Amino acid sequence: MKYLECPPISELDLRLHSGIIVGDYKVNGRVEIYSCKLAPSEKRLANSLDKQLAVELGGSHSVGSLEDSPLGGSFGNPFHPGHSSLSPASASPLGSVNDSATRKLLINLILTLNNTFSDYDFRDLKPEDFIREGSLDLVQNSINSKLSRGEDSSNVEFYQRLWSSLDDEMSLKECEIYSYVNDMDDDALSVGKIWSVNYFLYNKKLKKLAFLACWIKTPGMGQEDSDEGMESDDEGVWAMDTQD
């Protein structure tokens, strides 16, 4: 996954990193955009993950090659006419794992998390660890609510600029939006958090992916403790951590 440099996004990223005051709390975070073009090492991991998923299907169905997969696919429709041999067991929240496009999507989500949080390895995640969001408006409202409280409109300009800049780069209405299902008891994305939400915005046509994570820190958890092991290298994708 290649980091895509964009000055407006970088400016927003710096603002989030330094923190935004929301009532009695501070919102911190990051925002980054990535190309879905894989590095050689990522291609090896992608092929390994694809073979693993094929093995887990038990060989009971015909499994398409990952290399043959378009970026598009029958996401969310496990009984696509092109895959008449599918059973309910092969369906998932991302689509049918018999469909190479679905497996490619899962691998992109995993690689995104690996790049964002380089001290962790997410290769064991399954399609059931994600869900597809049905509405861009609901996701935007969810994030906007984390950046404002009640009658306080002081951060409206910021999140309007955030979505406008992301739309310029990602064409948001063309994006599929997925979220990660947290395990708050044992989860690298939930360490030191009361709760967290994690969104992936995926534009198949542009072959780009953006990632958004918001969370509330556990009381007494400092910024350094919260961020330990969670820093991204230059191949991260965008994240925003929220404290209520």
C-alpha atoms as a PDB file:
ATOM      1  CA  MET A   1       0.000   0.000   0.000  1.00  0.00           C
ATOM      2  CA  LYS A   2       1.577   3.282  -1.095  1.00  0.00           C
ATOM      3  CA  TYR A   3       1.101   6.440   0.957  1.00  0.00           C
ATOM      4  CA  LEU A   4      -0.378   9.227  -1.165  1.00  0.00           C
ATOM      5  CA  GLU A   5       0.901  12.700  -0.329  1.00  0.00           C
ATOM      6  CA  CYS A   6      -1.802  15.370  -0.383  1.00  0.00           C
ATOM      7  CA  PRO A   7      -1.134  18.817   1.202  1.00  0.00           C
ATOM      8  CA  PRO A   8      -4.744  19.480   2.347  1.00  0.00           C
ATOM      9  CA  ILE A   9      -4.949  16.043   3.954  1.00  0.00           C
ATOM     10  CA  SER A  10      -1.513  16.457   5.525  1.00  0.00           C
ATOM     11  CA  GLU A  11      -2.625  19.770   7.043  1.00  0.00           C
ATOM     12  CA  LEU A  12      -5.709  18.128   8.528  1.00  0.00           C
ATOM     13  CA  ASP A  13      -3.534  15.292   9.785  1.00  0.00           C
ATOM     14  CA  LEU A  14      -1.269  17.730  11.640  1.00  0.00           C
ATOM     15  CA  ARG A  15      -4.289  19.408  13.219  1.00  0.00           C
ATOM     16  CA  LEU A  16      -5.655  16.080  14.405  1.00  0.00           C
ATOM     17  CA  HIS A  17      -2.259  14.993  15.682  1.00  0.00           C
ATOM     18  CA  SER A  18      -1.886  18.144  17.785  1.00  0.00           C
ATOM     19  CA  GLY A  19      -5.430  17.748  19.121  1.00  0.00           C
ATOM     20  CA  ILE A  20      -8.820  19.410  18.824  1.00  0.00           C
ATOM     21  CA  ILE A  21     -10.635  20.570  21.951  1.00  0.00           C
ATOM     22  CA  VAL A  22     -14.209  19.283  22.215  1.00  0.00           C
ATOM     23  CA  GLY A  23     -15.845  20.457  25.432  1.00  0.00           C
ATOM     24  CA  ASP A  24     -13.728  19.168  28.311  1.00  0.00           C
ATOM     25  CA  TYR A  25     -11.851  16.696  26.130  1.00  0.00           C
ATOM     26  CA  LYS A  26      -9.252  16.634  23.363  1.00  0.00           C
ATOM     27  CA  VAL A  27      -9.659  14.843  20.040  1.00  0.00           C
ATOM     28  CA  ASN A  28      -6.404  13.521  18.566  1.00  0.00           C
ATOM     29  CA  GLY A  29      -5.821  11.582  15.398  1.00  0.00           C
ATOM     30  CA  ARG A  30      -4.419  11.122  11.916  1.00  0.00           C
ATOM     31  CA  VAL A  31      -5.798  11.145   8.410  1.00  0.00           C
ATOM     32  CA  GLU A  32      -4.036   9.446   5.491  1.00  0.00           C
ATOM     33  CA  ILE A  33      -4.889   8.051   2.059  1.00  0.00           C
ATOM     34  CA  TYR A  34      -3.292   5.087   0.339  1.00  0.00           C
ATOM     35  CA  SER A  35      -3.045   3.537  -3.065  1.00  0.00           C
ATOM     36  CA  CYS A  36      -4.077  -0.113  -3.181  1.00  0.00           C
ATOM     37  CA  LYS A  37      -1.013  -0.993  -5.264  1.00  0.00           C
ATOM     38  CA  LEU A  38       0.894  -3.596  -3.281  1.00  0.00           C
ATOM     39  CA  ALA A  39       4.595  -3.639  -2.538  1.00  0.00           C
ATOM     40  CA  PRO A  40       6.443  -6.905  -3.367  1.00  0.00           C
ATOM     41  CA  SER A  41       6.423  -8.016   0.282  1.00  0.00           C
ATOM     42  CA  GLU A  42       2.695  -7.273   0.481  1.00  0.00           C
ATOM     43  CA  LYS A  43       2.061  -9.315  -2.659  1.00  0.00           C
ATOM     44  CA  ARG A  44       3.705 -12.301  -0.984  1.00  0.00           C
ATOM     45  CA  LEU A  45       1.557 -11.857   2.107  1.00  0.00           C
ATOM     46  CA  ALA A  46      -1.551 -11.346  -0.035  1.00  0.00           C
ATOM     47  CA  ASN A  47      -0.931 -14.600  -1.920  1.00  0.00           C
ATOM     48  CA  SER A  48      -0.311 -16.422   1.361  1.00  0.00           C
ATOM     49  CA  LEU A  49      -3.540 -15.095   2.874  1.00  0.00           C
ATOM     50  CA  ASP A  50      -5.492 -15.959  -0.264  1.00  0.00           C
ATOM     51  CA  LYS A  51      -4.232 -19.552  -0.194  1.00  0.00           C
ATOM     52  CA  GLN A  52      -5.096 -19.781   3.495  1.00  0.00           C
ATOM     53  CA  LEU A  53      -8.645 -18.622   2.833  1.00  0.00           C
ATOM     54  CA  ALA A  54      -8.969 -21.115  -0.018  1.00  0.00           C
ATOM     55  CA  VAL A  55      -7.857 -23.938   2.298  1.00  0.00           C
ATOM     56  CA  GLU A  56     -10.397 -22.851   4.905  1.00  0.00           C
ATOM     57  CA  LEU A  57     -13.132 -23.238   2.301  1.00  0.00           C
ATOM     58  CA  GLY A  58     -12.317 -26.921   2.436  1.00  0.00           C
ATOM     59  CA  GLY A  59     -12.066 -27.334  -1.306  1.00  0.00           C
ATOM     60  CA  SER A  60     -15.836 -27.817  -1.529  1.00  0.00           C
ATOM     61  CA  HIS A  61     -16.285 -24.956  -3.991  1.00  0.00           C
ATOM     62  CA  SER A  62     -14.474 -23.486  -6.934  1.00  0.00           C
ATOM     63  CA  VAL A  63     -12.210 -20.686  -5.742  1.00  0.00           C
ATOM     64  CA  GLY A  64     -11.144 -17.980  -8.172  1.00  0.00           C
ATOM     65  CA  SER A  65      -7.558 -16.790  -8.411  1.00  0.00           C
ATOM     66  CA  LEU A  66      -6.641 -13.599  -6.604  1.00  0.00           C
ATOM     67  CA  GLU A  67      -4.634 -12.485  -9.638  1.00  0.00           C
ATOM     68  CA  ASP A  68      -7.751 -12.821 -11.776  1.00  0.00           C
ATOM     69  CA  SER A  69      -9.796 -10.618  -9.497  1.00  0.00           C
ATOM     70  CA  PRO A  70     -10.856  -7.150 -10.626  1.00  0.00           C
ATOM     71  CA  LEU A  71     -10.946  -4.431  -7.995  1.00  0.00           C
ATOM     72  CA  GLY A  72     -14.700  -4.554  -8.399  1.00  0.00           C
ATOM     73  CA  GLY A  73     -16.784  -7.556  -7.582  1.00  0.00           C
ATOM     74  CA  SER A  74     -20.060  -8.781  -6.181  1.00  0.00           C
ATOM     75  CA  PHE A  75     -19.435  -7.295  -2.718  1.00  0.00           C
ATOM     76  CA  GLY A  76     -22.263  -7.915  -0.314  1.00  0.00           C
ATOM     77  CA  ASN A  77     -23.948 -10.412  -2.672  1.00  0.00           C
ATOM     78  CA  PRO A  78     -22.787 -13.936  -1.762  1.00  0.00           C
ATOM     79  CA  PHE A  79     -25.055 -15.495  -4.381  1.00  0.00           C
ATOM     80  CA  HIS A  80     -23.804 -13.640  -7.439  1.00  0.00           C
ATOM     81  CA  PRO A  81     -24.861 -15.440 -10.661  1.00  0.00           C
ATOM     82  CA  GLY A  82     -21.210 -16.010 -11.550  1.00  0.00           C
ATOM     83  CA  HIS A  83     -20.792 -18.177  -8.456  1.00  0.00           C
ATOM     84  CA  SER A  84     -23.758 -20.514  -8.506  1.00  0.00           C
ATOM     85  CA  SER A  85     -21.862 -23.186  -6.513  1.00  0.00           C
ATOM     86  CA  LEU A  86     -21.761 -21.034  -3.352  1.00  0.00           C
ATOM     87  CA  SER A  87     -23.357 -22.136  -0.116  1.00  0.00           C
ATOM     88  CA  PRO A  88     -24.385 -20.039   2.888  1.00  0.00           C
ATOM     89  CA  ALA A  89     -21.234 -21.303   4.644  1.00  0.00           C
ATOM     90  CA  SER A  90     -19.063 -19.434   2.152  1.00  0.00           C
ATOM     91  CA  ALA A  91     -20.934 -16.148   2.594  1.00  0.00           C
ATOM     92  CA  SER A  92     -19.547 -13.376   4.793  1.00  0.00           C
ATOM     93  CA  PRO A  93     -20.278  -9.732   5.698  1.00  0.00           C
ATOM     94  CA  LEU A  94     -17.902  -8.746   2.876  1.00  0.00           C
ATOM     95  CA  GLY A  95     -19.456 -11.050   0.305  1.00  0.00           C
ATOM     96  CA  SER A  96     -18.659 -14.614  -0.698  1.00  0.00           C
ATOM     97  CA  VAL A  97     -15.134 -15.776   0.092  1.00  0.00           C
ATOM     98  CA  ASN A  98     -15.431 -17.978  -3.003  1.00  0.00           C
ATOM     99  CA  ASP A  99     -15.272 -14.694  -4.909  1.00  0.00           C
ATOM    100  CA  SER A 100     -11.662 -13.582  -5.426  1.00  0.00           C
ATOM    101  CA  ALA A 101     -12.810  -9.936  -5.321  1.00  0.00           C
ATOM    102  CA  THR A 102     -14.097 -10.446  -1.769  1.00  0.00           C
ATOM    103  CA  ARG A 103     -10.827 -12.035  -0.677  1.00  0.00           C
ATOM    104  CA  LYS A 104      -8.922  -9.191  -2.304  1.00  0.00           C
ATOM    105  CA  LEU A 105     -11.000  -6.698  -0.335  1.00  0.00           C
ATOM    106  CA  LEU A 106     -10.305  -8.541   2.927  1.00  0.00           C
ATOM    107  CA  ILE A 107      -6.589  -8.594   2.181  1.00  0.00           C
ATOM    108  CA  ASN A 108      -6.592  -4.850   1.452  1.00  0.00           C
ATOM    109  CA  LEU A 109      -8.292  -4.207   4.802  1.00  0.00           C
ATOM    110  CA  ILE A 110      -5.736  -6.366   6.619  1.00  0.00           C
ATOM    111  CA  LEU A 111      -2.788  -4.714   4.887  1.00  0.00           C
ATOM    112  CA  THR A 112      -4.249  -1.308   5.712  1.00  0.00           C
ATOM    113  CA  LEU A 113      -4.282  -2.177   9.413  1.00  0.00           C
ATOM    114  CA  ASN A 114      -0.783  -3.677   9.230  1.00  0.00           C
ATOM    115  CA  ASN A 115       0.533  -0.471   7.679  1.00  0.00           C
ATOM    116  CA  THR A 116      -1.308   1.790  10.088  1.00  0.00           C
ATOM    117  CA  PHE A 117      -0.332  -0.074  13.242  1.00  0.00           C
ATOM    118  CA  SER A 118       3.005  -1.574  12.270  1.00  0.00           C
ATOM    119  CA  ASP A 119       3.692  -3.083  15.713  1.00  0.00           C
ATOM    120  CA  TYR A 120       0.737  -5.419  15.251  1.00  0.00           C
ATOM    121  CA  ASP A 121      -0.054  -8.203  12.790  1.00  0.00           C
ATOM    122  CA  PHE A 122      -3.666  -8.468  11.659  1.00  0.00           C
ATOM    123  CA  ARG A 123      -3.252 -11.339   9.214  1.00  0.00           C
ATOM    124  CA  ASP A 124      -5.504 -13.612  11.297  1.00  0.00           C
ATOM    125  CA  LEU A 125      -8.562 -11.375  10.823  1.00  0.00           C
ATOM    126  CA  LYS A 126     -11.504 -12.956   9.003  1.00  0.00           C
ATOM    127  CA  PRO A 127     -14.340 -11.494   6.892  1.00  0.00           C
ATOM    128  CA  GLU A 128     -16.573 -11.793   9.965  1.00  0.00           C
ATOM    129  CA  ASP A 129     -14.369  -9.192  11.707  1.00  0.00           C
ATOM    130  CA  PHE A 130     -15.747  -6.519   9.366  1.00  0.00           C
ATOM    131  CA  ILE A 131     -19.137  -5.213   8.309  1.00  0.00           C
ATOM    132  CA  ARG A 132     -20.226  -3.074   5.386  1.00  0.00           C
ATOM    133  CA  GLU A 133     -21.755   0.279   6.316  1.00  0.00           C
ATOM    134  CA  GLY A 134     -24.906   1.188   4.451  1.00  0.00           C
ATOM    135  CA  SER A 135     -24.693   4.977   4.477  1.00  0.00           C
ATOM    136  CA  LEU A 136     -21.999   7.609   4.040  1.00  0.00           C
ATOM    137  CA  ASP A 137     -24.282  10.091   5.807  1.00  0.00           C
ATOM    138  CA  LEU A 138     -24.447   7.926   8.937  1.00  0.00           C
ATOM    139  CA  VAL A 139     -20.668   7.582   9.037  1.00  0.00           C
ATOM    140  CA  GLN A 140     -20.168  11.317   8.566  1.00  0.00           C
ATOM    141  CA  ASN A 141     -22.725  12.108  11.273  1.00  0.00           C
ATOM    142  CA  SER A 142     -21.009   9.676  13.617  1.00  0.00           C
ATOM    143  CA  ILE A 143     -17.617  11.333  13.125  1.00  0.00           C
ATOM    144  CA  ASN A 144     -19.033  14.864  13.227  1.00  0.00           C
ATOM    145  CA  SER A 145     -20.691  14.111  16.552  1.00  0.00           C
ATOM    146  CA  LYS A 146     -17.283  13.179  17.969  1.00  0.00           C
ATOM    147  CA  LEU A 147     -15.957  16.604  16.969  1.00  0.00           C
ATOM    148  CA  SER A 148     -18.777  18.677  18.435  1.00  0.00           C
ATOM    149  CA  ARG A 149     -21.030  18.647  21.467  1.00  0.00           C
ATOM    150  CA  GLY A 150     -24.533  20.111  21.786  1.00  0.00           C
ATOM    151  CA  GLU A 151     -24.700  23.732  20.743  1.00  0.00           C
ATOM    152  CA  ASP A 152     -20.931  24.006  20.375  1.00  0.00           C
ATOM    153  CA  SER A 153     -20.231  24.638  16.670  1.00  0.00           C
ATOM    154  CA  SER A 154     -16.600  25.706  17.030  1.00  0.00           C
ATOM    155  CA  ASN A 155     -15.291  22.673  15.109  1.00  0.00           C
ATOM    156  CA  VAL A 156     -17.874  22.677  12.315  1.00  0.00           C
ATOM    157  CA  GLU A 157     -15.451  24.382   9.930  1.00  0.00           C
ATOM    158  CA  PHE A 158     -12.849  21.711  10.635  1.00  0.00           C
ATOM    159  CA  TYR A 159     -14.978  18.665   9.926  1.00  0.00           C
ATOM    160  CA  GLN A 160     -16.549  20.330   6.900  1.00  0.00           C
ATOM    161  CA  ARG A 161     -13.037  20.867   5.538  1.00  0.00           C
ATOM    162  CA  LEU A 162     -12.139  17.295   6.472  1.00  0.00           C
ATOM    163  CA  TRP A 163     -14.966  15.790   4.430  1.00  0.00           C
ATOM    164  CA  SER A 164     -14.491  18.228   1.568  1.00  0.00           C
ATOM    165  CA  SER A 165     -10.795  17.391   1.274  1.00  0.00           C
ATOM    166  CA  LEU A 166     -11.470  13.684   1.490  1.00  0.00           C
ATOM    167  CA  ASP A 167     -14.167  13.977  -1.163  1.00  0.00           C
ATOM    168  CA  ASP A 168     -11.721  15.746  -3.477  1.00  0.00           C
ATOM    169  CA  GLU A 169      -9.283  12.851  -3.134  1.00  0.00           C
ATOM    170  CA  MET A 170     -11.606   9.870  -2.689  1.00  0.00           C
ATOM    171  CA  SER A 171     -14.956  10.744  -4.365  1.00  0.00           C
ATOM    172  CA  LEU A 172     -16.763   9.653  -1.230  1.00  0.00           C
ATOM    173  CA  LYS A 173     -20.095   8.846  -2.869  1.00  0.00           C
ATOM    174  CA  GLU A 174     -18.292   6.247  -4.987  1.00  0.00           C
ATOM    175  CA  CYS A 175     -16.699   4.617  -1.936  1.00  0.00           C
ATOM    176  CA  GLU A 176     -17.724   1.419  -0.236  1.00  0.00           C
ATOM    177  CA  ILE A 177     -17.467   1.878   3.526  1.00  0.00           C
ATOM    178  CA  TYR A 178     -16.534  -0.905   5.912  1.00  0.00           C
ATOM    179  CA  SER A 179     -15.975  -0.971   9.642  1.00  0.00           C
ATOM    180  CA  TYR A 180     -13.987  -3.220  11.933  1.00  0.00           C
ATOM    181  CA  VAL A 181     -15.867  -5.140  14.641  1.00  0.00           C
ATOM    182  CA  ASN A 182     -14.061  -4.525  17.912  1.00  0.00           C
ATOM    183  CA  ASP A 183     -13.315  -7.000  20.646  1.00  0.00           C
ATOM    184  CA  MET A 184     -12.954  -4.600  23.562  1.00  0.00           C
ATOM    185  CA  ASP A 185     -11.475  -7.284  25.858  1.00  0.00           C
ATOM    186  CA  ASP A 186      -8.597  -8.317  23.609  1.00  0.00           C
ATOM    187  CA  ASP A 187      -8.045  -6.032  20.645  1.00  0.00           C
ATOM    188  CA  ALA A 188      -5.030  -4.061  19.410  1.00  0.00           C
ATOM    189  CA  LEU A 189      -7.364  -1.284  18.241  1.00  0.00           C
ATOM    190  CA  SER A 190      -9.058  -1.042  21.634  1.00  0.00           C
ATOM    191  CA  VAL A 191      -6.075  -0.944  24.011  1.00  0.00           C
ATOM    192  CA  GLY A 192      -6.561   1.906  26.483  1.00  0.00           C
ATOM    193  CA  LYS A 193      -9.948   2.793  25.033  1.00  0.00           C
ATOM    194  CA  ILE A 194     -13.452   2.843  26.471  1.00  0.00           C
ATOM    195  CA  TRP A 195     -14.722   2.241  22.925  1.00  0.00           C
ATOM    196  CA  SER A 196     -13.478   2.682  19.395  1.00  0.00           C
ATOM    197  CA  VAL A 197     -14.834   2.767  15.839  1.00  0.00           C
ATOM    198  CA  ASN A 198     -12.801   2.000  12.743  1.00  0.00           C
ATOM    199  CA  TYR A 199     -13.919   2.870   9.209  1.00  0.00           C
ATOM    200  CA  PHE A 200     -12.448   1.979   5.816  1.00  0.00           C
ATOM    201  CA  LEU A 201     -13.412   4.026   2.741  1.00  0.00           C
ATOM    202  CA  TYR A 202     -12.619   2.060  -0.390  1.00  0.00           C
ATOM    203  CA  ASN A 203     -12.822   3.465  -3.921  1.00  0.00           C
ATOM    204  CA  LYS A 204     -12.464   0.538  -6.326  1.00  0.00           C
ATOM    205  CA  LYS A 205     -12.338   2.714  -9.424  1.00  0.00           C
ATOM    206  CA  LEU A 206      -9.555   4.937  -8.082  1.00  0.00           C
ATOM    207  CA  LYS A 207      -7.838   1.990  -6.377  1.00  0.00           C
ATOM    208  CA  LYS A 208      -7.491   4.008  -3.182  1.00  0.00           C
ATOM    209  CA  LEU A 209      -8.376   3.344   0.437  1.00  0.00           C
ATOM    210  CA  ALA A 210      -8.692   5.592   3.476  1.00  0.00           C
ATOM    211  CA  PHE A 211      -8.994   4.513   7.095  1.00  0.00           C
ATOM    212  CA  LEU A 212     -10.619   6.317  10.016  1.00  0.00           C
ATOM    213  CA  ALA A 213     -10.446   5.234  13.650  1.00  0.00           C
ATOM    214  CA  CYS A 214     -12.070   7.123  16.520  1.00  0.00           C
ATOM    215  CA  TRP A 215     -11.959   6.205  20.193  1.00  0.00           C
ATOM    216  CA  ILE A 216     -12.408   7.400  23.743  1.00  0.00           C
ATOM    217  CA  LYS A 217      -9.357   6.887  25.932  1.00  0.00           C
ATOM    218  CA  THR A 218      -9.646   5.147  29.260  1.00  0.00           C
ATOM    219  CA  PRO A 219      -9.387   7.695  32.141  1.00  0.00           C
ATOM    220  CA  GLY A 220      -5.782   8.031  33.269  1.00  0.00           C
ATOM    221  CA  MET A 221      -4.444   6.760  29.939  1.00  0.00           C
ATOM    222  CA  GLY A 222      -1.953   9.356  28.695  1.00  0.00           C
ATOM    223  CA  GLN A 223      -1.307  10.184  25.059  1.00  0.00           C
ATOM    224  CA  GLU A 224       2.059   8.424  25.106  1.00  0.00           C
ATOM    225  CA  ASP A 225       0.552   5.273  26.664  1.00  0.00           C
ATOM    226  CA  SER A 226      -2.356   5.267  24.232  1.00  0.00           C
ATOM    227  CA  ASP A 227      -0.120   5.666  21.198  1.00  0.00           C
ATOM    228  CA  GLU A 228       2.531   3.161  22.278  1.00  0.00           C
ATOM    229  CA  GLY A 229       2.936   0.606  19.544  1.00  0.00           C
ATOM    230  CA  MET A 230       0.225   2.276  17.476  1.00  0.00           C
ATOM    231  CA  GLU A 231       2.352   4.737  15.514  1.00  0.00           C
ATOM    232  CA  SER A 232       2.258   4.439  11.731  1.00  0.00           C
ATOM    233  CA  ASP A 233       5.272   4.553   9.494  1.00  0.00           C
ATOM    234  CA  ASP A 234       5.057   6.334   6.134  1.00  0.00           C
ATOM    235  CA  GLU A 235       2.882   3.503   4.845  1.00  0.00           C
ATOM    236  CA  GLY A 236       0.011   4.059   7.250  1.00  0.00           C
ATOM    237  CA  VAL A 237      -3.486   4.956   6.327  1.00  0.00           C
ATOM    238  CA  TRP A 238      -5.541   7.590   7.982  1.00  0.00           C
ATOM    239  CA  ALA A 239      -6.704   7.338  11.567  1.00  0.00           C
ATOM    240  CA  MET A 240      -8.356   9.678  13.994  1.00  0.00           C
ATOM    241  CA  ASP A 241      -8.524   8.977  17.715  1.00  0.00           C
ATOM    242  CA  THR A 242     -11.244  10.637  19.715  1.00  0.00           C
ATOM    243  CA  GLN A 243     -11.563  11.225  23.430  1.00  0.00           C
ATOM    244  CA  ASP A 244     -14.935  12.061  24.880  1.00  0.00           C
END
